[in-house]
C-alpha atoms as a PDB file:
ATOM      1  CA  MET A   1     -37.819  63.773 -14.636  1.00  0.00           C
ATOM      2  CA  PHE A   2     -37.776  60.424 -12.809  1.00  0.00           C
ATOM      3  CA  ALA A   3     -38.392  62.056  -9.424  1.00  0.00           C
ATOM      4  CA  SER A   4     -41.353  64.064 -10.695  1.00  0.00           C
ATOM      5  CA  LEU A   5     -42.882  61.014 -12.373  1.00  0.00           C
ATOM      6  CA  PHE A   6     -42.414  58.865  -9.280  1.00  0.00           C
ATOM      7  CA  VAL A   7     -44.026  61.472  -7.014  1.00  0.00           C
ATOM      8  CA  LEU A   8     -47.002  61.760  -9.384  1.00  0.00           C
ATOM      9  CA  LEU A   9     -47.439  57.980  -9.538  1.00  0.00           C
ATOM     10  CA  TYR A  10     -46.979  57.593  -5.779  1.00  0.00           C
ATOM     11  CA  LEU A  11     -49.598  60.261  -5.124  1.00  0.00           C
ATOM     12  CA  GLY A  12     -51.950  58.422  -7.487  1.00  0.00           C
ATOM     13  CA  HIS A  13     -51.202  55.195  -5.622  1.00  0.00           C
ATOM     14  CA  LEU A  14     -51.902  56.705  -2.222  1.00  0.00           C
ATOM     15  CA  LEU A  15     -55.186  58.242  -3.386  1.00  0.00           C
ATOM     16  CA  ALA A  16     -56.354  54.998  -5.015  1.00  0.00           C
ATOM     17  CA  ASP A  17     -55.212  52.730  -2.183  1.00  0.00           C
ATOM     18  CA  TYR A  18     -56.655  54.699   0.716  1.00  0.00           C
ATOM     19  CA  PRO A  19     -59.366  57.369   0.250  1.00  0.00           C
ATOM     20  CA  LEU A  20     -60.687  55.943  -3.045  1.00  0.00           C
ATOM     21  CA  GLN A  21     -60.705  52.237  -2.121  1.00  0.00           C
ATOM     22  CA  THR A  22     -64.124  51.106  -0.946  1.00  0.00           C
ATOM     23  CA  ASP A  23     -64.655  48.903   2.086  1.00  0.00           C
ATOM     24  CA  HIS A  24     -66.009  46.229  -0.258  1.00  0.00           C
ATOM     25  CA  GLN A  25     -62.881  46.302  -2.418  1.00  0.00           C
ATOM     26  CA  ALA A  26     -60.586  46.135   0.607  1.00  0.00           C
ATOM     27  CA  ALA A  27     -62.488  43.218   2.123  1.00  0.00           C
ATOM     28  CA  HIS A  28     -62.989  41.169  -1.034  1.00  0.00           C
ATOM     29  CA  LYS A  29     -60.208  41.932  -3.569  1.00  0.00           C
ATOM     30  CA  ALA A  30     -58.364  38.737  -2.631  1.00  0.00           C
ATOM     31  CA  ASP A  31     -61.422  36.455  -2.581  1.00  0.00           C
ATOM     32  CA  ARG A  32     -61.114  33.493  -4.932  1.00  0.00           C
ATOM     33  CA  CYS A  33     -64.398  33.972  -6.739  1.00  0.00           C
ATOM     34  CA  THR A  34     -65.909  36.149  -9.437  1.00  0.00           C
ATOM     35  CA  ALA A  35     -66.916  38.825  -6.926  1.00  0.00           C
ATOM     36  CA  GLY A  36     -63.350  38.866  -5.587  1.00  0.00           C
ATOM     37  CA  TRP A  37     -61.899  39.365  -9.032  1.00  0.00           C
ATOM     38  CA  ALA A  38     -64.461  42.100  -9.731  1.00  0.00           C
ATOM     39  CA  ALA A  39     -63.467  43.939  -6.539  1.00  0.00           C
ATOM     40  CA  ASN A  40     -59.775  43.464  -7.355  1.00  0.00           C
ATOM     41  CA  LEU A  41     -60.073  44.703 -10.928  1.00  0.00           C
ATOM     42  CA  ALA A  42     -62.241  47.671  -9.939  1.00  0.00           C
ATOM     43  CA  HIS A  43     -59.590  48.667  -7.391  1.00  0.00           C
ATOM     44  CA  ALA A  44     -56.764  48.200  -9.921  1.00  0.00           C
ATOM     45  CA  GLY A  45     -58.777  50.212 -12.445  1.00  0.00           C
ATOM     46  CA  THR A  46     -58.995  53.045  -9.938  1.00  0.00           C
ATOM     47  CA  HIS A  47     -55.197  52.971  -9.722  1.00  0.00           C
ATOM     48  CA  VAL A  48     -54.871  53.190 -13.483  1.00  0.00           C
ATOM     49  CA  ALA A  49     -57.358  56.060 -13.758  1.00  0.00           C
ATOM     50  CA  ILE A  50     -55.880  58.100 -10.913  1.00  0.00           C
ATOM     51  CA  CYS A  51     -52.276  57.527 -12.044  1.00  0.00           C
ATOM     52  CA  ALA A  52     -53.286  58.508 -15.591  1.00  0.00           C
ATOM     53  CA  ALA A  53     -54.848  61.708 -14.257  1.00  0.00           C
ATOM     54  CA  ALA A  54     -51.732  62.429 -12.179  1.00  0.00           C
ATOM     55  CA  LEU A  55     -49.478  61.909 -15.205  1.00  0.00           C
ATOM     56  CA  ALA A  56     -51.680  64.132 -17.383  1.00  0.00           C
ATOM     57  CA  LEU A  57     -51.619  66.847 -14.741  1.00  0.00           C
ATOM     58  CA  GLY A  58     -47.849  66.541 -14.485  1.00  0.00           C
ATOM     59  CA  VAL A  59     -47.425  66.889 -18.242  1.00  0.00           C
ATOM     60  CA  LEU A  60     -49.649  69.989 -18.237  1.00  0.00           C
ATOM     61  CA  VAL A  61     -48.179  71.713 -15.191  1.00  0.00           C
ATOM     62  CA  LEU A  62     -44.568  70.626 -14.752  1.00  0.00           C
ATOM     63  CA  ASN A  63     -41.889  71.804 -17.149  1.00  0.00           C
ATOM     64  CA  ASP A  64     -39.701  68.742 -16.649  1.00  0.00           C
ATOM     65  CA  VAL A  65     -42.373  66.120 -17.407  1.00  0.00           C
ATOM     66  CA  THR A  66     -42.901  64.827 -20.920  1.00  0.00           C
ATOM     67  CA  VAL A  67     -44.031  61.313 -21.697  1.00  0.00           C
ATOM     68  CA  SER A  68     -44.536  59.196 -24.761  1.00  0.00           C
ATOM     69  CA  LEU A  69     -48.168  58.112 -25.079  1.00  0.00           C
ATOM     70  CA  PRO A  70     -47.336  54.452 -25.901  1.00  0.00           C
ATOM     71  CA  VAL A  71     -44.903  54.260 -22.964  1.00  0.00           C
ATOM     72  CA  ALA A  72     -47.471  55.919 -20.688  1.00  0.00           C
ATOM     73  CA  VAL A  73     -50.112  53.368 -21.735  1.00  0.00           C
ATOM     74  CA  ALA A  74     -47.654  50.515 -21.094  1.00  0.00           C
ATOM     75  CA  ALA A  75     -46.701  51.967 -17.702  1.00  0.00           C
ATOM     76  CA  LEU A  76     -50.343  52.330 -16.706  1.00  0.00           C
ATOM     77  CA  LEU A  77     -51.102  48.763 -17.790  1.00  0.00           C
ATOM     78  CA  TRP A  78     -48.099  47.621 -15.717  1.00  0.00           C
ATOM     79  CA  ILE A  79     -49.386  49.575 -12.698  1.00  0.00           C
ATOM     80  CA  GLY A  80     -52.854  48.046 -13.013  1.00  0.00           C
ATOM     81  CA  ALA A  81     -51.651  44.492 -13.589  1.00  0.00           C
ATOM     82  CA  SER A  82     -48.982  44.527 -10.894  1.00  0.00           C
ATOM     83  CA  HIS A  83     -51.376  46.100  -8.402  1.00  0.00           C
ATOM     84  CA  ALA A  84     -54.052  43.490  -9.116  1.00  0.00           C
ATOM     85  CA  PHE A  85     -51.490  40.674  -8.728  1.00  0.00           C
ATOM     86  CA  ILE A  86     -50.017  41.963  -5.462  1.00  0.00           C
ATOM     87  CA  ASP A  87     -53.469  42.592  -3.991  1.00  0.00           C
ATOM     88  CA  ARG A  88     -54.517  38.968  -4.427  1.00  0.00           C
ATOM     89  CA  ARG A  89     -52.549  38.688  -1.138  1.00  0.00           C
ATOM     90  CA  TRP A  90     -51.105  35.233  -1.795  1.00  0.00           C
ATOM     91  CA  PRO A  91     -47.960  36.634  -3.521  1.00  0.00           C
ATOM     92  CA  VAL A  92     -47.074  38.656  -0.415  1.00  0.00           C
ATOM     93  CA  GLN A  93     -47.868  35.702   1.837  1.00  0.00           C
ATOM     94  CA  TRP A  94     -45.782  33.396  -0.331  1.00  0.00           C
ATOM     95  CA  TRP A  95     -42.853  35.835  -0.241  1.00  0.00           C
ATOM     96  CA  MET A  96     -43.005  36.207   3.526  1.00  0.00           C
ATOM     97  CA  ASN A  97     -43.293  32.458   4.113  1.00  0.00           C
ATOM     98  CA  HIS A  98     -40.285  31.769   1.867  1.00  0.00           C
ATOM     99  CA  THR A  99     -38.002  34.513   3.188  1.00  0.00           C
ATOM    100  CA  GLY A 100     -38.222  33.764   6.897  1.00  0.00           C
ATOM    101  CA  GLN A 101     -40.895  36.367   7.653  1.00  0.00           C
ATOM    102  CA  ALA A 102     -43.854  34.146   8.608  1.00  0.00           C
ATOM    103  CA  SER A 103     -43.927  35.461  12.168  1.00  0.00           C
ATOM    104  CA  TRP A 104     -43.847  39.066  10.972  1.00  0.00           C
ATOM    105  CA  ALA A 105     -46.626  38.269   8.490  1.00  0.00           C
ATOM    106  CA  ALA A 106     -48.762  36.931  11.336  1.00  0.00           C
ATOM    107  CA  ASN A 107     -48.157  40.137  13.293  1.00  0.00           C
ATOM    108  CA  GLY A 108     -49.094  42.782  10.730  1.00  0.00           C
ATOM    109  CA  GLY A 109     -46.032  42.805   8.495  1.00  0.00           C
ATOM    110  CA  ALA A 110     -47.881  41.835   5.322  1.00  0.00           C
ATOM    111  CA  ALA A 111     -49.212  45.372   4.839  1.00  0.00           C
ATOM    112  CA  HIS A 112     -45.644  46.715   4.809  1.00  0.00           C
ATOM    113  CA  VAL A 113     -44.414  44.133   2.318  1.00  0.00           C
ATOM    114  CA  ASP A 114     -47.530  44.769   0.187  1.00  0.00           C
ATOM    115  CA  GLN A 115     -46.807  48.509   0.053  1.00  0.00           C
ATOM    116  CA  THR A 116     -43.116  47.909  -0.677  1.00  0.00           C
ATOM    117  CA  ALA A 117     -44.065  45.716  -3.652  1.00  0.00           C
ATOM    118  CA  HIS A 118     -46.420  48.419  -4.938  1.00  0.00           C
ATOM    119  CA  ILE A 119     -43.727  51.083  -4.583  1.00  0.00           C
ATOM    120  CA  LEU A 120     -41.236  48.887  -6.461  1.00  0.00           C
ATOM    121  CA  ALA A 121     -43.768  48.587  -9.310  1.00  0.00           C
ATOM    122  CA  LEU A 122     -44.175  52.384  -9.337  1.00  0.00           C
ATOM    123  CA  VAL A 123     -40.395  52.912  -9.426  1.00  0.00           C
ATOM    124  CA  LEU A 124     -40.152  50.609 -12.443  1.00  0.00           C
ATOM    125  CA  ALA A 125     -43.000  52.491 -14.157  1.00  0.00           C
ATOM    126  CA  ALA A 126     -41.345  55.856 -13.457  1.00  0.00           C
ATOM    127  CA  LEU A 127     -38.030  54.537 -14.788  1.00  0.00           C
ATOM    128  CA  ALA A 128     -39.696  53.366 -17.996  1.00  0.00           C
ATOM    129  CA  LEU A 129     -41.483  56.678 -18.408  1.00  0.00           C
ATOM    130  CA  SER A 130     -38.300  58.688 -17.901  1.00  0.00           C
ATOM    131  CA  ALA A 131     -36.079  56.572 -20.147  1.00  0.00           C
END
């Protein structure tokens, strides 16, 4: 069941992070102001909604997917909160500066570390859901 749950959550992530993220959200989700937080939380909310829809579809269509509602709510809250935190950008920058990756960060590597952090959060959510 873990694999099915992860694929559903990853699909939700990809949809929310690319075709459903507005230009405004992408440009301002890390801004340190009220408008930045609004863009960030709207984007994270999209992740929660799309991942919830993906999980619901999985439960309805796939024979191997069953989830506990309280665990699903906790997993979705985790996905939203972790996504909002990672997308503030400073956590990824901090990580790269403190792990000897400052040059890679300056040359486009932050997007890869950002996505890796998001995927780790999704793996942990899928593990919790399948436990």
